[in-house]
Protein backbone atom coordinates (compact mmCIF):
# COMPACT_ATOMS: atom_id res chain seq x y z
CA MET A 1 65.24 -29.63 4.04
CA THR A 2 67.35 -29.51 7.27
CA ALA A 3 70.55 -27.83 6.69
CA PRO A 4 72.61 -31.37 6.30
CA PHE A 5 75.33 -30.07 8.96
CA VAL A 6 73.06 -29.31 11.79
CA VAL A 7 73.37 -32.05 13.83
CA ASP A 8 76.83 -32.23 13.81
CA LEU A 9 76.60 -28.70 15.69
CA CYS A 10 74.00 -29.82 18.35
CA GLY A 11 74.95 -30.65 21.81
CA TYR A 12 74.09 -30.81 25.76
CA ARG A 13 76.13 -28.01 28.43
CA LEU A 14 77.55 -29.53 31.30
CA ASN A 15 73.85 -28.69 33.47
CA GLY A 16 72.18 -30.79 30.33
CA ASN A 17 70.81 -27.93 28.85
CA PRO A 18 71.05 -27.95 24.91
CA ASN A 19 73.53 -25.92 23.45
CA THR A 20 70.59 -23.12 21.68
CA SER A 21 69.13 -22.40 24.98
CA ASP A 22 69.55 -19.60 27.36
CA ASN A 23 70.06 -21.13 30.50
CA ASN A 24 68.27 -18.35 32.35
CA ASP A 25 65.13 -18.74 30.59
CA ARG A 26 62.87 -22.09 31.36
CA GLY A 27 61.31 -21.63 27.94
CA SER A 28 64.38 -21.53 26.15
CA VAL A 29 65.42 -24.74 27.43
CA GLU A 30 62.04 -26.37 27.10
CA TRP A 31 62.46 -25.30 22.94
CA GLY A 32 65.73 -26.46 23.30
CA HIS A 33 65.08 -30.03 24.54
CA ALA A 34 62.07 -30.18 22.23
CA LEU A 35 64.02 -29.47 19.12
CA PHE A 36 66.41 -31.86 20.10
CA ALA A 37 64.22 -34.76 20.41
CA ARG A 38 62.90 -33.93 16.88
CA LEU A 39 66.87 -34.44 15.39
CA ALA A 40 67.49 -37.42 17.72
CA VAL A 41 70.74 -35.77 19.09
CA PRO A 42 71.77 -38.13 21.54
CA PRO A 43 71.84 -37.84 24.48
CA GLY A 44 74.92 -36.69 26.36
CA VAL A 45 76.27 -35.91 23.54
CA SER A 46 78.90 -32.53 24.71
CA GLU A 47 78.36 -29.39 23.15
CA VAL A 48 80.57 -28.00 19.94
CA GLU A 49 83.11 -25.37 21.03
CA ARG A 50 82.85 -22.08 19.04
CA VAL A 51 79.48 -23.38 17.58
CA GLY A 52 78.16 -20.07 15.99
CA SER A 53 82.00 -19.92 14.61
CA VAL A 54 81.51 -23.78 13.51
CA MET A 55 78.25 -23.17 11.85
CA GLU A 56 79.49 -20.27 9.66
CA GLU A 57 82.20 -22.34 8.31
CA ARG A 58 79.62 -25.22 7.99
CA ALA A 59 77.31 -23.13 6.25
CA ALA A 60 80.34 -21.26 3.96
CA SER A 61 81.17 -24.29 2.92
CA HIS A 62 77.69 -26.13 2.04
CA LEU A 63 77.06 -22.51 -0.07
CA SER A 64 79.86 -22.50 -1.54
CA GLY A 65 79.60 -25.67 -3.14
CA LEU A 66 76.32 -24.48 -4.63
CA ARG A 67 77.93 -21.89 -6.64
CA PRO A 68 81.57 -22.38 -6.65
CA ASP A 69 81.43 -19.86 -9.99
CA LEU A 70 80.64 -17.18 -6.87
CA VAL A 71 83.11 -15.96 -4.33
CA THR A 72 81.58 -17.79 -0.83
CA ALA A 73 83.61 -15.52 2.68
CA ARG A 74 83.21 -15.50 6.17
CA SER A 75 83.66 -12.02 7.99
CA ARG A 76 83.66 -9.64 5.19
CA SER A 77 83.10 -6.30 5.22
CA ALA A 78 80.97 -4.45 3.27
CA THR A 79 82.80 -1.77 2.15
CA GLU A 80 85.16 -4.38 -0.07
CA PHE A 81 82.20 -4.73 -1.92
CA ALA A 82 81.05 -2.81 -5.02
CA GLN A 83 77.67 -1.62 -3.71
CA TYR A 84 79.62 0.13 -0.58
CA ARG A 85 82.83 0.83 -1.44
CA HIS A 86 82.42 4.33 -1.89
CA LEU A 87 82.12 3.85 2.66
CA ALA A 88 85.72 3.16 2.79
CA VAL A 89 86.96 6.63 0.67
CA PHE A 90 86.42 8.84 3.61
CA GLN A 91 87.96 6.07 5.52
CA ARG A 92 91.06 5.80 3.70
CA PHE A 93 91.39 9.80 3.26
CA ARG A 94 91.69 10.45 6.87
CA ARG A 95 94.39 7.28 7.25
CA ALA A 96 96.43 9.34 4.89
CA TYR A 97 96.08 13.08 5.11
CA LEU A 98 99.65 14.26 6.45
CA GLY A 99 98.66 18.05 6.49
CA PRO A 100 100.90 20.99 4.78
CA SER A 101 104.35 21.33 5.91
CA ASP A 102 106.14 24.52 7.29
CA ASP A 103 109.21 23.36 4.96
CA LEU A 104 108.39 25.70 2.00
CA ALA A 105 107.08 28.77 3.97
CA ASP A 106 110.44 28.43 6.32
CA GLU A 107 112.52 28.53 2.69
CA VAL A 108 110.14 31.75 1.60
CA ALA A 109 110.86 33.70 4.88
CA SER A 110 114.66 32.94 4.53
CA LEU A 111 115.20 33.64 1.27
CA LEU A 112 113.23 37.05 1.93
CA MET A 113 115.39 38.22 4.63
CA GLN A 114 118.42 37.94 1.40
CA PRO A 115 118.71 40.94 -1.19
CA LEU A 116 116.83 40.04 -4.11
CA GLY A 117 115.53 41.92 -7.01
CA PRO A 118 111.86 43.05 -6.97
CA GLU A 119 110.62 40.59 -9.25
CA VAL A 120 111.91 37.48 -7.14
CA GLU A 121 110.19 39.20 -4.33
CA ARG A 122 107.12 39.53 -6.07
CA VAL A 123 106.97 35.06 -6.46
CA LEU A 124 108.43 34.86 -2.47
CA GLN A 125 105.28 37.00 -1.70
CA ARG A 126 102.97 34.88 -3.58
CA ALA A 127 104.83 31.64 -2.40
CA LEU A 128 103.71 33.10 0.94
CA GLN A 129 100.46 33.96 0.31
CA ALA A 130 99.74 30.65 -1.28
CA GLY A 131 101.21 29.01 2.35
CA VAL A 132 98.50 31.13 4.10
CA GLN A 133 95.70 29.89 1.81
CA ARG A 134 97.28 26.26 2.08
CA ARG A 135 97.11 26.38 5.98
CA ARG A 136 93.48 28.00 5.92
CA ASP A 137 92.14 24.82 3.81
CA HIS A 138 93.80 22.78 6.17
CA GLU A 139 91.95 23.89 8.88
CA LEU A 140 88.66 23.56 7.03
CA ILE A 141 89.74 20.06 6.37
CA ILE A 142 90.69 18.92 9.99
CA ASP A 143 87.33 20.89 10.62
CA LEU A 144 85.83 18.53 8.30
CA LEU A 145 87.57 15.41 9.59
CA GLU A 146 86.16 16.67 13.01
CA THR A 147 82.40 16.72 12.58
CA MET A 148 82.00 14.54 9.52
CA PRO A 149 80.04 11.61 10.90
CA GLU A 150 81.74 8.22 9.96
CA GLU A 151 79.16 5.61 8.78
CA SER A 152 80.37 2.03 10.71
CA LEU A 153 79.39 -1.49 9.22
CA LEU A 154 79.81 -4.56 11.11
CA LYS A 155 81.88 -7.29 9.56
CA VAL A 156 79.07 -9.65 7.35
CA ASP A 157 79.08 -13.26 8.89
CA LEU A 158 78.13 -14.86 5.37
CA THR A 159 78.79 -13.10 2.34
CA ILE A 160 78.33 -14.57 -1.53
CA ALA A 161 79.57 -11.95 -4.30
CA ALA A 162 80.29 -11.92 -7.69
CA ALA A 163 83.84 -12.49 -8.74
CA ALA A 164 86.12 -9.74 -10.40
CA PRO A 165 85.80 -7.24 -12.05
CA SER A 166 82.09 -6.86 -10.56
CA GLU A 167 82.64 -7.58 -6.76
CA ARG A 168 78.74 -7.40 -6.53
CA LEU A 169 77.24 -8.19 -3.13
CA LEU A 170 74.90 -10.85 -3.82
CA VAL A 171 73.69 -12.53 -0.45
CA ALA A 172 74.86 -11.21 2.60
CA ILE A 173 73.87 -13.39 5.73
CA SER A 174 74.24 -12.86 9.44
CA SER A 175 74.63 -15.84 11.42
CA LYS A 176 73.25 -16.43 14.89
CA TRP A 177 73.17 -20.23 16.34
CA SER A 178 70.89 -18.37 18.94
CA LEU A 179 69.23 -14.88 19.37
CA ARG A 180 69.31 -12.77 22.44
CA THR A 181 67.51 -9.48 22.18
CA ASP A 182 70.98 -7.68 21.34
CA ARG A 183 71.97 -10.05 18.96
CA ALA A 184 68.54 -9.53 17.16
CA GLN A 185 68.74 -6.04 17.18
CA ASP A 186 72.72 -6.08 15.70
CA CYS A 187 70.87 -8.09 12.67
CA ILE A 188 68.31 -5.79 12.51
CA SER A 189 70.62 -2.68 12.74
CA GLN A 190 73.33 -3.79 10.31
CA GLY A 191 70.12 -4.42 7.62
CA ALA A 192 69.19 -1.00 7.81
CA LYS A 193 72.56 -0.36 7.09
CA LEU A 194 73.26 -2.15 4.47
CA VAL A 195 70.04 -0.36 3.02
CA SER A 196 70.30 2.78 3.50
CA LEU A 197 74.20 3.17 2.50
CA ARG A 198 74.62 1.46 -0.38
CA ARG A 199 74.62 2.65 -4.05
CA GLY A 200 72.88 0.36 -6.40
CA HIS A 201 72.00 -3.04 -6.08
CA MET A 202 70.80 -4.31 -2.51
CA PRO A 203 71.95 -7.49 -1.87
CA HIS A 204 69.40 -10.41 -0.05
CA TYR A 205 70.20 -10.01 3.23
CA ALA A 206 68.92 -12.63 6.09
CA VAL A 207 69.44 -13.89 9.06
CA LEU A 208 70.64 -17.80 9.64
CA THR A 209 69.91 -19.15 13.37
CA MET A 210 68.94 -22.03 14.69
CA GLU A 211 66.96 -20.51 17.90
CA PRO A 212 63.99 -22.42 18.67
CA ARG A 213 61.90 -19.52 20.36
CA PRO A 214 59.30 -18.56 18.03
CA ALA A 215 59.39 -15.06 20.35
CA MET A 216 62.82 -14.42 19.81
CA LEU A 217 62.70 -15.10 15.73
CA ARG A 218 59.42 -12.50 15.46
CA LEU A 219 61.87 -9.79 16.91
CA ILE A 220 63.66 -9.62 13.46
CA ALA A 221 60.81 -11.54 11.49
CA TYR A 222 58.49 -9.07 11.93
CA GLY A 223 58.22 -4.80 12.05
CA SER A 224 61.30 -4.61 9.80
CA GLY A 225 61.93 -3.85 6.26
CA SER A 226 65.79 -4.31 7.21
CA VAL A 227 65.91 -8.15 6.69
CA ASP A 228 63.96 -10.25 3.95
CA CYS A 229 63.38 -13.24 5.66
CA VAL A 230 64.91 -15.45 8.53
CA TYR A 231 66.50 -18.76 7.37
CA HIS A 232 66.15 -21.78 9.94
CA LEU A 233 69.20 -24.56 10.15
CA ALA A 234 66.20 -27.16 11.21
CA LEU A 235 62.69 -25.55 10.41
CA PRO A 236 60.97 -29.12 9.93
CA GLU A 237 61.54 -30.33 13.10
CA LEU A 238 61.11 -26.88 14.89
CA ARG A 239 57.69 -26.86 13.64
CA GLN A 240 57.06 -30.35 14.48
CA ALA A 241 58.75 -29.56 18.11
CA ALA A 242 56.14 -26.85 18.54
CA ALA A 243 53.31 -29.39 17.80
CA ASP A 244 54.85 -31.61 20.81
CA LEU A 245 54.79 -28.32 22.89
CA GLU A 246 51.35 -27.75 21.79
CA ALA A 247 50.26 -31.55 22.60
CA ARG A 248 51.71 -31.51 26.05
CA ARG A 249 49.53 -28.43 27.22
CA GLY A 250 46.62 -30.18 26.31
CA SER A 251 45.38 -27.01 24.98
CA LYS A 252 44.75 -25.99 21.19
CA PRO A 253 45.56 -23.61 19.80
CA TRP A 254 48.38 -22.50 21.66
CA LYS A 255 49.73 -18.94 20.48
CA PRO A 256 53.79 -19.36 20.26
CA ARG A 257 52.64 -22.51 17.39
CA GLN A 258 50.43 -20.22 15.87
CA ASP A 259 53.36 -17.50 16.05
CA LEU A 260 55.59 -19.98 14.15
CA GLU A 261 53.02 -21.21 11.57
CA ARG A 262 52.09 -17.79 10.77
CA MET A 263 55.60 -16.69 10.39
CA VAL A 264 56.15 -19.52 7.69
CA ALA A 265 53.03 -19.05 5.96
CA GLN A 266 54.12 -15.13 5.68
CA GLY A 267 57.77 -16.38 4.48
CA ARG A 268 59.29 -14.41 6.91
CA VAL A 269 60.92 -17.84 8.33
CA ARG A 270 61.82 -20.14 5.75
CA ASP A 271 63.66 -23.27 5.67
CA TYR A 272 67.67 -23.82 4.92
CA ASP A 273 66.57 -25.39 1.59
CA ASP A 274 64.98 -21.85 0.68
CA LEU A 275 68.27 -20.19 1.16
CA ALA A 276 70.16 -23.16 -0.57
CA ARG A 277 67.83 -22.23 -3.64
CA GLU A 278 68.17 -18.91 -3.38
CA VAL A 279 71.85 -19.17 -3.67
CA ALA A 280 71.74 -22.17 -6.56
CA ARG A 281 69.79 -20.01 -9.05
CA LEU A 282 71.69 -16.72 -9.10
CA GLY A 283 72.09 -16.06 -12.54
CA PRO A 284 74.47 -14.61 -15.22
CA GLY A 285 71.97 -11.48 -15.06
CA ALA A 286 72.68 -11.38 -10.96
CA VAL A 287 76.19 -10.86 -11.50
């Protein structure tokens, strides 16, 4: 099933290129036109401003309607969820730690200058020694703060989580209207961190995109155990567009189409309807 909102997001730039395309890549423009033709996007329709953000909004709204008992949201930090909450502990400590105050040491030193009995002097000496130890502890803490590696996690574009008190992250989606090499790498890097830094259940992590080029989809779909799969907003139309481009070239088989079909057959690239079913079947046992 094609995402029910996808055609609303499709449009053409002032130069006539589809808003899925990389203007500097002829192949990207060709794939975009072929996909829009299959989607029956009317010529001359203006591109949607901030289409990536609008895509997230529409996807979040649609998926939320499938499971209103779960918490669907945009742009949340992974540290807000049960499996990753421990990553925020050190950050909170860093912000809250003030270090020792010299007030007590000053008061003790002032008292030592007064005529005091032996017992009181012993108490004050012990207080001074405790102050010295506290400063040593402070130095160790500063050393820890300066050398401790900080694991940063980008905010997750779309999250579906169990409601309180569990607050467990069930589905995490990196939403990218189109792909470039750096965007693809961000998706993989985020997935790797979600895998390695979790405590407990790994959420279903995938990429949602409208990118038409199989070569770009392949960057994420192949060779990375960090991403479960890529969900495409208009996969039926993309497969038809690939067949159209193959026929236009008059040569079969055509590698880009072969690559796309292979990724589909292997479950690496999936239909938007597969994502909808994944969310709909999250049962009580998952939360």
